[in-house]
Amino acid sequence: MTEMVTLLADPPWRFGDKLPGPSRGAEKNYATMTALDLQRVMLPPIAGNARLFLWRVASMQEEALAVMRAWGFVPKAEIVWVKKTSTGKRWFGMGRTVRMEHEVCLVGARGRPPILSKSVRSVFEAPYTLHSGKPDVFYEIVESLSPGPYCELFARRPRAGWVSFGHELGSTLEVAK
């Protein structure tokens, strides 16, 4: 496999929530992993100069930074997705302290990966899709900012031009013991 320059990961964070209803909460939608297991995920070959886009959840900020560092990346920036409904209204999500209407993606670097465009903004708005799904515009942001080859870890669907690993795709990464 070619060394990846750009990695995208939306980890299946384990919350331990016992939310009511048939689909509320990550564990009712897909297999989850502890932060420690995520730190031990065996990554595909990565170039010396690479970039990581790592989605985190608000209640697990420290854990996300620990995962990023365990994978050999240094936090550099973040991108915020302001969620909208299909009619353009602000999303009214879940949350223990405040109702979350956004998600945050940490941007990390290994070495000195090139930046393709210096006009990429840190905030974008897009409609909410399926649980844990990310909008196509986010992939366009990644591709305009960072060069390939591209690899998505914990992918929910394949994407043309990307190497994708994900439980739902039948190709998962191993966890080191």
C-alpha atoms as a PDB file:
ATOM      1  CA  MET A   1       0.000   0.000   0.000  1.00  0.00           C
ATOM      2  CA  THR A   2       1.186   3.514  -0.810  1.00  0.00           C
ATOM      3  CA  GLU A   3       2.084   5.757   2.112  1.00  0.00           C
ATOM      4  CA  MET A   4      -0.896   7.919   2.985  1.00  0.00           C
ATOM      5  CA  VAL A   5      -0.433  11.683   3.172  1.00  0.00           C
ATOM      6  CA  THR A   6      -3.908  12.575   4.419  1.00  0.00           C
ATOM      7  CA  LEU A   7      -5.850  10.584   6.997  1.00  0.00           C
ATOM      8  CA  LEU A   8      -9.436  11.236   8.035  1.00  0.00           C
ATOM      9  CA  ALA A   9     -10.875   9.523  11.102  1.00  0.00           C
ATOM     10  CA  ASP A  10     -14.264   9.717  12.753  1.00  0.00           C
ATOM     11  CA  PRO A  11     -13.607   7.235  15.567  1.00  0.00           C
ATOM     12  CA  PRO A  12     -16.399   5.171  17.091  1.00  0.00           C
ATOM     13  CA  TRP A  13     -16.000   6.770  20.536  1.00  0.00           C
ATOM     14  CA  ARG A  14     -17.437   4.708  23.395  1.00  0.00           C
ATOM     15  CA  PHE A  15     -19.530   6.873  25.702  1.00  0.00           C
ATOM     16  CA  GLY A  16     -21.137   4.318  27.978  1.00  0.00           C
ATOM     17  CA  ASP A  17     -24.454   6.138  27.532  1.00  0.00           C
ATOM     18  CA  LYS A  18     -27.681   4.328  28.121  1.00  0.00           C
ATOM     19  CA  LEU A  19     -29.874   6.662  26.090  1.00  0.00           C
ATOM     20  CA  PRO A  20     -33.538   5.764  25.596  1.00  0.00           C
ATOM     21  CA  GLY A  21     -34.956   4.873  22.208  1.00  0.00           C
ATOM     22  CA  PRO A  22     -33.950   2.463  19.449  1.00  0.00           C
ATOM     23  CA  SER A  23     -31.321   4.649  17.713  1.00  0.00           C
ATOM     24  CA  ARG A  24     -30.102   7.324  20.163  1.00  0.00           C
ATOM     25  CA  GLY A  25     -26.435   6.976  20.992  1.00  0.00           C
ATOM     26  CA  ALA A  26     -23.423   5.634  19.119  1.00  0.00           C
ATOM     27  CA  GLU A  27     -23.572   2.095  20.511  1.00  0.00           C
ATOM     28  CA  LYS A  28     -27.008   1.558  18.957  1.00  0.00           C
ATOM     29  CA  ASN A  29     -25.700   2.508  15.521  1.00  0.00           C
ATOM     30  CA  TYR A  30     -22.265   0.810  15.287  1.00  0.00           C
ATOM     31  CA  ALA A  31     -19.561  -0.973  17.287  1.00  0.00           C
ATOM     32  CA  THR A  32     -17.668   1.481  19.517  1.00  0.00           C
ATOM     33  CA  MET A  33     -14.124   1.513  20.908  1.00  0.00           C
ATOM     34  CA  THR A  34     -12.506   2.846  24.065  1.00  0.00           C
ATOM     35  CA  ALA A  35     -10.040   5.720  23.791  1.00  0.00           C
ATOM     36  CA  LEU A  36      -7.239   3.337  24.796  1.00  0.00           C
ATOM     37  CA  ASP A  37      -8.158   0.898  22.006  1.00  0.00           C
ATOM     38  CA  LEU A  38      -8.292   3.793  19.539  1.00  0.00           C
ATOM     39  CA  GLN A  39      -4.767   4.812  20.558  1.00  0.00           C
ATOM     40  CA  ARG A  40      -3.608   1.276  19.701  1.00  0.00           C
ATOM     41  CA  VAL A  41      -5.187   1.095  16.231  1.00  0.00           C
ATOM     42  CA  MET A  42      -2.625  -0.133  13.694  1.00  0.00           C
ATOM     43  CA  LEU A  43      -2.652   2.534  10.988  1.00  0.00           C
ATOM     44  CA  PRO A  44      -1.884   1.995   7.298  1.00  0.00           C
ATOM     45  CA  PRO A  45       1.541   3.198   6.091  1.00  0.00           C
ATOM     46  CA  ILE A  46       1.787   6.970   6.584  1.00  0.00           C
ATOM     47  CA  ALA A  47       4.205   9.364   4.875  1.00  0.00           C
ATOM     48  CA  GLY A  48       6.689  11.312   7.002  1.00  0.00           C
ATOM     49  CA  ASN A  49       4.866  14.513   6.071  1.00  0.00           C
ATOM     50  CA  ALA A  50       1.189  13.806   6.653  1.00  0.00           C
ATOM     51  CA  ARG A  51      -1.994  15.395   7.946  1.00  0.00           C
ATOM     52  CA  LEU A  52      -4.747  13.946  10.142  1.00  0.00           C
ATOM     53  CA  PHE A  53      -8.349  15.162  10.323  1.00  0.00           C
ATOM     54  CA  LEU A  54      -9.748  13.667  13.543  1.00  0.00           C
ATOM     55  CA  TRP A  55     -13.386  14.164  14.519  1.00  0.00           C
ATOM     56  CA  ARG A  56     -13.901  14.444  18.252  1.00  0.00           C
ATOM     57  CA  VAL A  57     -16.879  14.683  20.536  1.00  0.00           C
ATOM     58  CA  ALA A  58     -17.250  17.500  23.052  1.00  0.00           C
ATOM     59  CA  SER A  59     -17.227  15.209  26.078  1.00  0.00           C
ATOM     60  CA  MET A  60     -13.969  13.511  25.010  1.00  0.00           C
ATOM     61  CA  GLN A  61     -11.631  16.367  24.126  1.00  0.00           C
ATOM     62  CA  GLU A  62      -8.642  15.067  26.120  1.00  0.00           C
ATOM     63  CA  GLU A  63      -9.117  11.566  24.750  1.00  0.00           C
ATOM     64  CA  ALA A  64      -9.108  12.896  21.174  1.00  0.00           C
ATOM     65  CA  LEU A  65      -5.843  14.725  21.763  1.00  0.00           C
ATOM     66  CA  ALA A  66      -4.357  11.548  23.268  1.00  0.00           C
ATOM     67  CA  VAL A  67      -5.420   9.521  20.206  1.00  0.00           C
ATOM     68  CA  MET A  68      -3.938  12.120  17.852  1.00  0.00           C
ATOM     69  CA  ARG A  69      -0.628  12.108  19.708  1.00  0.00           C
ATOM     70  CA  ALA A  70      -0.552   8.286  19.978  1.00  0.00           C
ATOM     71  CA  TRP A  71      -0.873   8.133  16.196  1.00  0.00           C
ATOM     72  CA  GLY A  72       2.156  10.423  15.846  1.00  0.00           C
ATOM     73  CA  PHE A  73       0.433  13.706  14.998  1.00  0.00           C
ATOM     74  CA  VAL A  74       0.653  17.147  16.621  1.00  0.00           C
ATOM     75  CA  PRO A  75      -2.556  19.220  16.904  1.00  0.00           C
ATOM     76  CA  LYS A  76      -2.401  22.306  14.650  1.00  0.00           C
ATOM     77  CA  ALA A  77      -5.939  23.587  14.006  1.00  0.00           C
ATOM     78  CA  GLU A  78      -9.602  22.636  14.028  1.00  0.00           C
ATOM     79  CA  ILE A  79     -12.552  22.783  11.672  1.00  0.00           C
ATOM     80  CA  VAL A  80     -16.093  23.320  12.948  1.00  0.00           C
ATOM     81  CA  TRP A  81     -19.182  21.963  11.212  1.00  0.00           C
ATOM     82  CA  VAL A  82     -22.307  23.966  12.087  1.00  0.00           C
ATOM     83  CA  LYS A  83     -25.163  21.564  11.475  1.00  0.00           C
ATOM     84  CA  LYS A  84     -28.327  22.635   9.696  1.00  0.00           C
ATOM     85  CA  THR A  85     -31.619  20.873   9.145  1.00  0.00           C
ATOM     86  CA  SER A  86     -32.763  19.969   5.640  1.00  0.00           C
ATOM     87  CA  THR A  87     -34.763  23.232   5.666  1.00  0.00           C
ATOM     88  CA  GLY A  88     -31.747  25.342   6.662  1.00  0.00           C
ATOM     89  CA  LYS A  89     -32.611  25.858  10.318  1.00  0.00           C
ATOM     90  CA  ARG A  90     -30.039  25.414  13.060  1.00  0.00           C
ATOM     91  CA  TRP A  91     -29.738  21.819  14.260  1.00  0.00           C
ATOM     92  CA  PHE A  92     -30.860  21.131  17.843  1.00  0.00           C
ATOM     93  CA  GLY A  93     -28.742  18.176  18.911  1.00  0.00           C
ATOM     94  CA  MET A  94     -28.127  16.239  22.088  1.00  0.00           C
ATOM     95  CA  GLY A  95     -25.796  17.206  24.889  1.00  0.00           C
ATOM     96  CA  ARG A  96     -25.338  16.797  28.612  1.00  0.00           C
ATOM     97  CA  THR A  97     -24.413  20.434  29.354  1.00  0.00           C
ATOM     98  CA  VAL A  98     -25.512  22.312  26.237  1.00  0.00           C
ATOM     99  CA  ARG A  99     -27.383  21.181  23.115  1.00  0.00           C
ATOM    100  CA  MET A 100     -24.768  20.539  20.438  1.00  0.00           C
ATOM    101  CA  GLU A 101     -25.386  22.088  17.042  1.00  0.00           C
ATOM    102  CA  HIS A 102     -21.845  21.614  15.807  1.00  0.00           C
ATOM    103  CA  GLU A 103     -19.033  19.062  15.552  1.00  0.00           C
ATOM    104  CA  VAL A 104     -15.293  19.692  15.745  1.00  0.00           C
ATOM    105  CA  CYS A 105     -12.576  18.099  13.634  1.00  0.00           C
ATOM    106  CA  LEU A 106      -9.024  18.424  14.948  1.00  0.00           C
ATOM    107  CA  VAL A 107      -6.343  18.947  12.321  1.00  0.00           C
ATOM    108  CA  GLY A 108      -2.952  17.493  13.126  1.00  0.00           C
ATOM    109  CA  ALA A 109       0.367  17.218  11.325  1.00  0.00           C
ATOM    110  CA  ARG A 110       3.275  14.812  11.185  1.00  0.00           C
ATOM    111  CA  GLY A 111       6.357  16.499   9.778  1.00  0.00           C
ATOM    112  CA  ARG A 112       5.588  19.415   7.439  1.00  0.00           C
ATOM    113  CA  PRO A 113       2.803  18.408   5.040  1.00  0.00           C
ATOM    114  CA  PRO A 114       2.048  20.919   2.295  1.00  0.00           C
ATOM    115  CA  ILE A 115      -1.023  23.132   2.494  1.00  0.00           C
ATOM    116  CA  LEU A 116      -2.716  23.277  -0.914  1.00  0.00           C
ATOM    117  CA  SER A 117      -4.914  26.308  -0.211  1.00  0.00           C
ATOM    118  CA  LYS A 118      -4.529  29.060   2.350  1.00  0.00           C
ATOM    119  CA  SER A 119      -8.124  30.233   1.849  1.00  0.00           C
ATOM    120  CA  VAL A 120      -9.882  27.355   3.641  1.00  0.00           C
ATOM    121  CA  ARG A 121     -12.058  28.682   6.465  1.00  0.00           C
ATOM    122  CA  SER A 122     -12.280  27.012   9.864  1.00  0.00           C
ATOM    123  CA  VAL A 123     -16.104  26.926   9.978  1.00  0.00           C
ATOM    124  CA  PHE A 124     -18.576  25.513   7.463  1.00  0.00           C
ATOM    125  CA  GLU A 125     -22.325  24.963   7.477  1.00  0.00           C
ATOM    126  CA  ALA A 126     -24.021  21.902   6.016  1.00  0.00           C
ATOM    127  CA  PRO A 127     -27.130  19.813   6.611  1.00  0.00           C
ATOM    128  CA  TYR A 128     -27.017  16.998   9.154  1.00  0.00           C
ATOM    129  CA  THR A 129     -27.147  13.549   7.564  1.00  0.00           C
ATOM    130  CA  LEU A 130     -27.185  10.083   9.126  1.00  0.00           C
ATOM    131  CA  HIS A 131     -25.820   9.374  12.624  1.00  0.00           C
ATOM    132  CA  SER A 132     -22.083  10.087  12.528  1.00  0.00           C
ATOM    133  CA  GLY A 133     -22.190  10.752   8.767  1.00  0.00           C
ATOM    134  CA  LYS A 134     -20.189  13.672   7.438  1.00  0.00           C
ATOM    135  CA  PRO A 135     -21.320  15.907   4.554  1.00  0.00           C
ATOM    136  CA  ASP A 136     -19.658  15.724   1.137  1.00  0.00           C
ATOM    137  CA  VAL A 137     -18.551  19.347   1.470  1.00  0.00           C
ATOM    138  CA  PHE A 138     -16.225  18.317   4.308  1.00  0.00           C
ATOM    139  CA  TYR A 139     -14.372  15.887   2.020  1.00  0.00           C
ATOM    140  CA  GLU A 140     -14.054  18.714  -0.514  1.00  0.00           C
ATOM    141  CA  ILE A 141     -12.516  20.902   2.218  1.00  0.00           C
ATOM    142  CA  VAL A 142     -10.016  18.155   3.098  1.00  0.00           C
ATOM    143  CA  GLU A 143      -9.061  17.645  -0.553  1.00  0.00           C
ATOM    144  CA  SER A 144      -8.633  21.395  -1.118  1.00  0.00           C
ATOM    145  CA  LEU A 145      -6.408  21.721   1.939  1.00  0.00           C
ATOM    146  CA  SER A 146      -4.271  18.579   1.911  1.00  0.00           C
ATOM    147  CA  PRO A 147      -2.765  16.415  -0.866  1.00  0.00           C
ATOM    148  CA  GLY A 148      -3.413  12.699  -1.366  1.00  0.00           C
ATOM    149  CA  PRO A 149      -3.222   9.829  -1.245  1.00  0.00           C
ATOM    150  CA  TYR A 150      -6.275   9.925   1.037  1.00  0.00           C
ATOM    151  CA  CYS A 151      -7.357   7.363   3.599  1.00  0.00           C
ATOM    152  CA  GLU A 152     -10.483   7.308   5.761  1.00  0.00           C
ATOM    153  CA  LEU A 153     -10.502   5.275   8.960  1.00  0.00           C
ATOM    154  CA  PHE A 154     -13.863   4.153  10.396  1.00  0.00           C
ATOM    155  CA  ALA A 155     -15.586   5.079   7.120  1.00  0.00           C
ATOM    156  CA  ARG A 156     -19.357   4.646   6.883  1.00  0.00           C
ATOM    157  CA  ARG A 157     -19.321   4.601   3.051  1.00  0.00           C
ATOM    158  CA  PRO A 158     -16.672   4.340   0.320  1.00  0.00           C
ATOM    159  CA  ARG A 159     -15.486   7.466  -1.454  1.00  0.00           C
ATOM    160  CA  ALA A 160     -13.961   7.548  -4.960  1.00  0.00           C
ATOM    161  CA  GLY A 161     -10.218   8.193  -4.878  1.00  0.00           C
ATOM    162  CA  TRP A 162      -9.908   7.296  -1.184  1.00  0.00           C
ATOM    163  CA  VAL A 163      -8.742   4.149   0.596  1.00  0.00           C
ATOM    164  CA  SER A 164     -11.500   3.401   3.114  1.00  0.00           C
ATOM    165  CA  PHE A 165     -11.506   1.205   6.204  1.00  0.00           C
ATOM    166  CA  GLY A 166     -14.690   0.678   8.159  1.00  0.00           C
ATOM    167  CA  HIS A 167     -16.734  -1.952   9.918  1.00  0.00           C
ATOM    168  CA  GLU A 168     -19.711  -1.248   7.649  1.00  0.00           C
ATOM    169  CA  LEU A 169     -17.445  -1.680   4.600  1.00  0.00           C
ATOM    170  CA  GLY A 170     -16.091  -5.034   5.780  1.00  0.00           C
ATOM    171  CA  SER A 171     -12.506  -3.759   6.152  1.00  0.00           C
ATOM    172  CA  THR A 172     -11.319  -2.849   9.618  1.00  0.00           C
ATOM    173  CA  LEU A 173      -7.981  -1.996  11.173  1.00  0.00           C
ATOM    174  CA  GLU A 174      -6.401  -4.151  13.851  1.00  0.00           C
ATOM    175  CA  VAL A 175      -5.714  -3.020  17.390  1.00  0.00           C
ATOM    176  CA  ALA A 176      -2.241  -3.741  18.802  1.00  0.00           C
ATOM    177  CA  LYS A 177      -2.242  -5.836  21.963  1.00  0.00           C
END
